[in-house]
Amino acid sequence: MEGWAFWVAAVVASVLVGMSKGGLPAVGLLGVPVLALVINPVTAAGLLLPVYVLSDMFGLYAYRHAFDRRVLAILVPGMVAGVVFGWATASLVPGWAVVALVGAIGFVFALNLLLRRRGRVEPRAARVAPGLFWGAVTGFTSFVSHAGGPPYQVYVMPLGLSKMAFAGTSTIAFAILNAVKLVPYWHLGQLNAANLKVAVVLMPAAAVAVFAGVRLVKLLPEATFFRVVTWALLLLSVKLLWDGASEGLGF
């Protein structure tokens, strides 16, 4: 973990993570792929987790008054269960299959949203059973590859939250999720002193990016904000599909 190429990729990845904590969750999915350009993907995931956690502190402060308590109460238990399941099956489930599945879920959901955008879609109620299911999927996929955004958005986006409540709920939910992931990541050897030192160095860039993300969320009109989120989800899902299929088929 040295050389200019590593540090450029690490800073870019940290900025993406920070912006995701500022209320743009979709861009956080790019962090691991960017860093994986210069180091092993598993190492990249372990290295970025402390950056996620430290960035969460700033995101929690920024959105301390803007979130939906009911959505969090429903999702968080499912997320924790998903992390535990991911930990228990870490040696059994191939990462590429999870990545491809996440991409497929996000692609279908985002495409459906874009195709239905012309007609008015009534917001759904935050129901417990679907929330626990999608929370578990979010926790599992986030544990495997920090790719919990698509399944999370499948549940939350149809609820009709305001842009600030959506951003704040996302930030708080993933802050809790990342804190829970620290234990299994440490147990599996993906966290170490070297990772923590690099995370501290990268923290200033991530912190600035958090507040840049918050500012961008505030400036964007509501409709534009959700349009950007939907298109970002679609494009990132295509990338995840490609990454998973390429690795699975040995391209």
Protein backbone atom coordinates (compact mmCIF):
# COMPACT_ATOMS: atom_id res chain seq x y z
CA MET A 1 0.00 0.00 0.00
CA GLU A 2 2.41 2.60 -1.26
CA GLY A 3 3.26 4.58 -4.38
CA TRP A 4 1.47 7.46 -6.05
CA ALA A 5 -1.04 5.24 -7.88
CA PHE A 6 -2.24 3.73 -4.60
CA TRP A 7 -2.61 7.10 -2.90
CA VAL A 8 -4.45 8.67 -5.83
CA ALA A 9 -6.90 5.77 -5.92
CA ALA A 10 -7.23 5.80 -2.12
CA VAL A 11 -8.02 9.52 -1.99
CA VAL A 12 -10.58 9.22 -4.81
CA ALA A 13 -12.20 6.25 -3.07
CA SER A 14 -12.29 8.18 0.22
CA VAL A 15 -13.96 11.16 -1.44
CA LEU A 16 -16.60 8.85 -2.91
CA VAL A 17 -17.18 7.27 0.50
CA GLY A 18 -17.45 10.72 2.10
CA MET A 19 -19.98 11.93 -0.47
CA SER A 20 -22.06 8.82 0.15
CA LYS A 21 -22.15 9.74 3.84
CA GLY A 22 -23.18 13.24 2.83
CA GLY A 23 -26.44 11.87 1.45
CA LEU A 24 -25.54 10.37 -1.93
CA PRO A 25 -25.42 6.65 -1.05
CA ALA A 26 -25.09 5.35 -4.61
CA VAL A 27 -21.63 6.87 -5.19
CA GLY A 28 -20.21 4.96 -2.22
CA LEU A 29 -20.46 1.77 -4.28
CA LEU A 30 -17.61 3.04 -6.43
CA GLY A 31 -15.13 3.21 -3.54
CA VAL A 32 -14.05 -0.44 -3.49
CA PRO A 33 -13.88 -0.81 -7.31
CA VAL A 34 -11.70 2.32 -7.58
CA LEU A 35 -9.29 1.12 -4.90
CA ALA A 36 -9.35 -2.40 -6.37
CA LEU A 37 -7.65 -0.97 -9.46
CA VAL A 38 -4.39 -0.89 -7.50
CA ILE A 39 -4.79 -3.49 -4.70
CA ASN A 40 -6.61 -6.77 -4.05
CA PRO A 41 -10.42 -6.25 -3.83
CA VAL A 42 -10.66 -8.02 -0.45
CA THR A 43 -7.88 -5.81 0.91
CA ALA A 44 -9.62 -2.76 -0.56
CA ALA A 45 -12.87 -3.64 1.24
CA GLY A 46 -11.06 -4.07 4.55
CA LEU A 47 -9.08 -0.87 4.09
CA LEU A 48 -12.13 1.25 3.31
CA LEU A 49 -14.27 0.03 6.20
CA PRO A 50 -12.52 2.30 8.76
CA VAL A 51 -12.93 5.20 6.31
CA TYR A 52 -16.66 4.41 6.13
CA VAL A 53 -16.91 4.31 9.91
CA LEU A 54 -14.97 7.54 10.47
CA SER A 55 -16.96 9.30 7.74
CA ASP A 56 -20.15 8.10 9.42
CA MET A 57 -19.36 10.31 12.42
CA PHE A 58 -19.55 13.43 10.27
CA GLY A 59 -22.64 12.17 8.45
CA LEU A 60 -24.42 11.47 11.74
CA TYR A 61 -23.76 15.03 12.85
CA ALA A 62 -24.91 16.53 9.56
CA TYR A 63 -28.21 14.60 9.53
CA ARG A 64 -28.90 14.39 13.27
CA HIS A 65 -32.29 16.11 12.79
CA ALA A 66 -33.33 14.58 9.42
CA PHE A 67 -34.30 10.90 9.40
CA ASP A 68 -37.26 8.55 9.65
CA ARG A 69 -37.35 6.63 12.94
CA ARG A 70 -39.84 4.00 11.77
CA VAL A 71 -37.80 3.08 8.70
CA LEU A 72 -34.66 2.73 10.81
CA ALA A 73 -36.46 0.63 13.42
CA ILE A 74 -37.61 -1.77 10.70
CA LEU A 75 -34.42 -1.97 8.65
CA VAL A 76 -31.68 -2.14 11.28
CA PRO A 77 -32.61 -5.54 12.81
CA GLY A 78 -32.69 -7.04 9.32
CA MET A 79 -29.34 -5.46 8.47
CA VAL A 80 -27.72 -6.93 11.58
CA ALA A 81 -29.15 -10.37 10.74
CA GLY A 82 -27.77 -10.03 7.20
CA VAL A 83 -24.27 -9.26 8.51
CA VAL A 84 -24.40 -12.28 10.83
CA PHE A 85 -25.50 -14.49 7.93
CA GLY A 86 -22.72 -13.10 5.73
CA TRP A 87 -20.17 -13.79 8.47
CA ALA A 88 -21.43 -17.35 8.90
CA THR A 89 -21.28 -18.08 5.16
CA ALA A 90 -18.17 -16.06 4.31
CA SER A 91 -16.27 -19.11 3.09
CA LEU A 92 -19.21 -20.64 1.21
CA VAL A 93 -20.69 -17.90 -0.99
CA PRO A 94 -18.57 -16.64 -3.94
CA GLY A 95 -18.25 -12.87 -3.90
CA TRP A 96 -18.84 -12.58 -7.65
CA ALA A 97 -22.27 -14.20 -7.34
CA VAL A 98 -23.32 -11.70 -4.66
CA VAL A 99 -22.03 -8.78 -6.73
CA ALA A 100 -23.95 -9.99 -9.81
CA LEU A 101 -27.12 -10.50 -7.76
CA VAL A 102 -26.91 -7.00 -6.29
CA GLY A 103 -26.40 -5.59 -9.77
CA ALA A 104 -29.43 -7.46 -11.10
CA ILE A 105 -31.65 -6.25 -8.25
CA GLY A 106 -30.58 -2.64 -8.64
CA PHE A 107 -30.86 -2.70 -12.43
CA VAL A 108 -34.42 -4.05 -12.49
CA PHE A 109 -35.55 -1.70 -9.74
CA ALA A 110 -33.98 1.45 -11.23
CA LEU A 111 -35.22 0.63 -14.74
CA ASN A 112 -38.73 0.10 -13.39
CA LEU A 113 -38.60 3.47 -11.62
CA LEU A 114 -37.45 5.26 -14.76
CA LEU A 115 -40.12 3.62 -16.93
CA ARG A 116 -42.87 4.52 -14.46
CA ARG A 117 -41.62 8.05 -13.81
CA ARG A 118 -44.15 9.63 -16.20
CA GLY A 119 -47.06 8.51 -14.09
CA ARG A 120 -47.58 9.47 -10.47
CA VAL A 121 -46.64 6.68 -8.09
CA GLU A 122 -48.25 6.83 -4.66
CA PRO A 123 -45.79 6.42 -1.77
CA ARG A 124 -45.89 3.06 0.00
CA ALA A 125 -46.16 2.57 3.75
CA ALA A 126 -43.05 1.34 5.58
CA ARG A 127 -44.13 -2.27 6.17
CA VAL A 128 -42.27 -4.50 8.59
CA ALA A 129 -41.91 -7.80 6.68
CA PRO A 130 -40.52 -6.30 3.44
CA GLY A 131 -38.28 -4.01 5.49
CA LEU A 132 -36.79 -6.90 7.44
CA PHE A 133 -36.21 -8.84 4.21
CA TRP A 134 -34.55 -6.00 2.31
CA GLY A 135 -32.65 -5.00 5.44
CA ALA A 136 -31.22 -8.53 5.64
CA VAL A 137 -30.26 -8.46 1.95
CA THR A 138 -28.65 -5.05 2.51
CA GLY A 139 -26.65 -6.30 5.49
CA PHE A 140 -25.50 -9.42 3.66
CA THR A 141 -24.41 -7.68 0.46
CA SER A 142 -22.79 -4.84 2.38
CA PHE A 143 -20.80 -7.34 4.43
CA VAL A 144 -19.58 -9.19 1.34
CA SER A 145 -18.68 -6.23 -0.89
CA HIS A 146 -19.87 -2.90 0.61
CA ALA A 147 -22.67 -3.07 -1.97
CA GLY A 148 -25.73 -2.65 0.22
CA GLY A 149 -27.05 0.41 -1.61
CA PRO A 150 -29.24 -1.23 -4.29
CA PRO A 151 -31.29 -3.52 -2.00
CA TYR A 152 -31.60 -0.71 0.54
CA GLN A 153 -33.00 1.63 -2.10
CA VAL A 154 -35.45 -1.02 -3.34
CA TYR A 155 -37.20 -0.71 0.04
CA VAL A 156 -36.68 2.97 0.89
CA MET A 157 -37.15 4.85 -2.38
CA PRO A 158 -40.85 3.93 -2.84
CA LEU A 159 -41.66 5.25 0.66
CA GLY A 160 -41.90 8.85 -0.52
CA LEU A 161 -39.44 10.33 2.00
CA SER A 162 -38.27 13.89 1.47
CA LYS A 163 -34.75 14.20 0.06
CA MET A 164 -33.31 15.22 3.45
CA ALA A 165 -35.10 12.42 5.31
CA PHE A 166 -33.98 9.94 2.63
CA ALA A 167 -30.37 11.13 2.87
CA GLY A 168 -30.38 11.21 6.67
CA THR A 169 -32.03 7.82 7.08
CA SER A 170 -29.55 6.30 4.62
CA THR A 171 -26.58 7.84 6.43
CA ILE A 172 -27.70 6.68 9.88
CA ALA A 173 -28.69 3.17 8.72
CA PHE A 174 -25.33 2.55 7.07
CA ALA A 175 -23.45 4.09 10.00
CA ILE A 176 -25.01 1.46 12.26
CA LEU A 177 -24.37 -1.24 9.67
CA ASN A 178 -20.70 -0.33 9.28
CA ALA A 179 -20.17 -0.31 13.04
CA VAL A 180 -21.66 -3.82 13.25
CA LYS A 181 -19.37 -5.01 10.44
CA LEU A 182 -16.24 -4.06 12.39
CA VAL A 183 -16.42 -7.18 14.57
CA PRO A 184 -16.59 -9.83 11.79
CA TYR A 185 -14.10 -7.92 9.61
CA TRP A 186 -11.62 -7.89 12.50
CA HIS A 187 -12.27 -11.57 13.20
CA LEU A 188 -11.68 -12.47 9.54
CA GLY A 189 -8.40 -10.54 9.49
CA GLN A 190 -9.53 -7.79 7.11
CA LEU A 191 -8.78 -5.04 9.66
CA ASN A 192 -5.32 -4.38 11.02
CA ALA A 193 -3.11 -1.59 12.32
CA ALA A 194 -1.83 -0.73 8.82
CA ASN A 195 -5.39 -0.27 7.52
CA LEU A 196 -6.27 1.99 10.44
CA LYS A 197 -3.20 4.17 9.86
CA VAL A 198 -4.10 4.61 6.18
CA ALA A 199 -7.71 5.40 7.13
CA VAL A 200 -6.55 8.19 9.46
CA VAL A 201 -4.47 9.72 6.65
CA LEU A 202 -7.44 9.58 4.27
CA MET A 203 -9.92 10.99 6.79
CA PRO A 204 -9.52 14.72 5.92
CA ALA A 205 -10.47 14.09 2.27
CA ALA A 206 -13.44 11.97 3.31
CA ALA A 207 -14.61 14.54 5.90
CA VAL A 208 -14.58 17.39 3.38
CA ALA A 209 -16.47 15.18 0.92
CA VAL A 210 -19.18 14.46 3.54
CA PHE A 211 -20.08 18.12 3.86
CA ALA A 212 -19.75 18.63 0.11
CA GLY A 213 -22.33 15.85 -0.31
CA VAL A 214 -24.65 17.45 2.27
CA ARG A 215 -24.37 20.77 0.45
CA LEU A 216 -25.16 19.15 -2.89
CA VAL A 217 -28.23 17.42 -1.44
CA LYS A 218 -29.53 20.74 -0.12
CA LEU A 219 -28.96 22.53 -3.42
CA LEU A 220 -30.55 19.96 -5.73
CA PRO A 221 -34.32 20.25 -6.29
CA GLU A 222 -36.26 17.29 -4.87
CA ALA A 223 -37.17 15.80 -8.26
CA THR A 224 -33.62 16.24 -9.57
CA PHE A 225 -32.15 14.64 -6.47
CA PHE A 226 -34.16 11.45 -6.85
CA ARG A 227 -33.58 11.40 -10.61
CA VAL A 228 -29.83 11.56 -10.00
CA VAL A 229 -30.05 8.81 -7.38
CA THR A 230 -32.07 6.58 -9.72
CA TRP A 231 -29.74 7.02 -12.68
CA ALA A 232 -26.69 6.51 -10.47
CA LEU A 233 -28.26 3.31 -9.17
CA LEU A 234 -28.93 2.10 -12.72
CA LEU A 235 -25.38 2.78 -13.93
CA LEU A 236 -23.74 1.31 -10.85
CA SER A 237 -25.95 -1.77 -11.08
CA VAL A 238 -24.84 -2.32 -14.68
CA LYS A 239 -21.22 -2.13 -13.48
CA LEU A 240 -21.88 -4.60 -10.67
CA LEU A 241 -23.57 -6.99 -13.10
CA TRP A 242 -20.58 -6.76 -15.41
CA ASP A 243 -18.05 -7.21 -12.62
CA GLY A 244 -19.84 -10.23 -11.19
CA ALA A 245 -20.45 -11.89 -14.56
CA SER A 246 -16.87 -11.24 -15.72
CA GLU A 247 -15.37 -12.86 -12.64
CA GLY A 248 -17.85 -15.73 -12.61
CA LEU A 249 -17.29 -16.55 -16.30
CA GLY A 250 -13.53 -15.99 -16.08
CA PHE A 251 -13.32 -13.08 -18.55
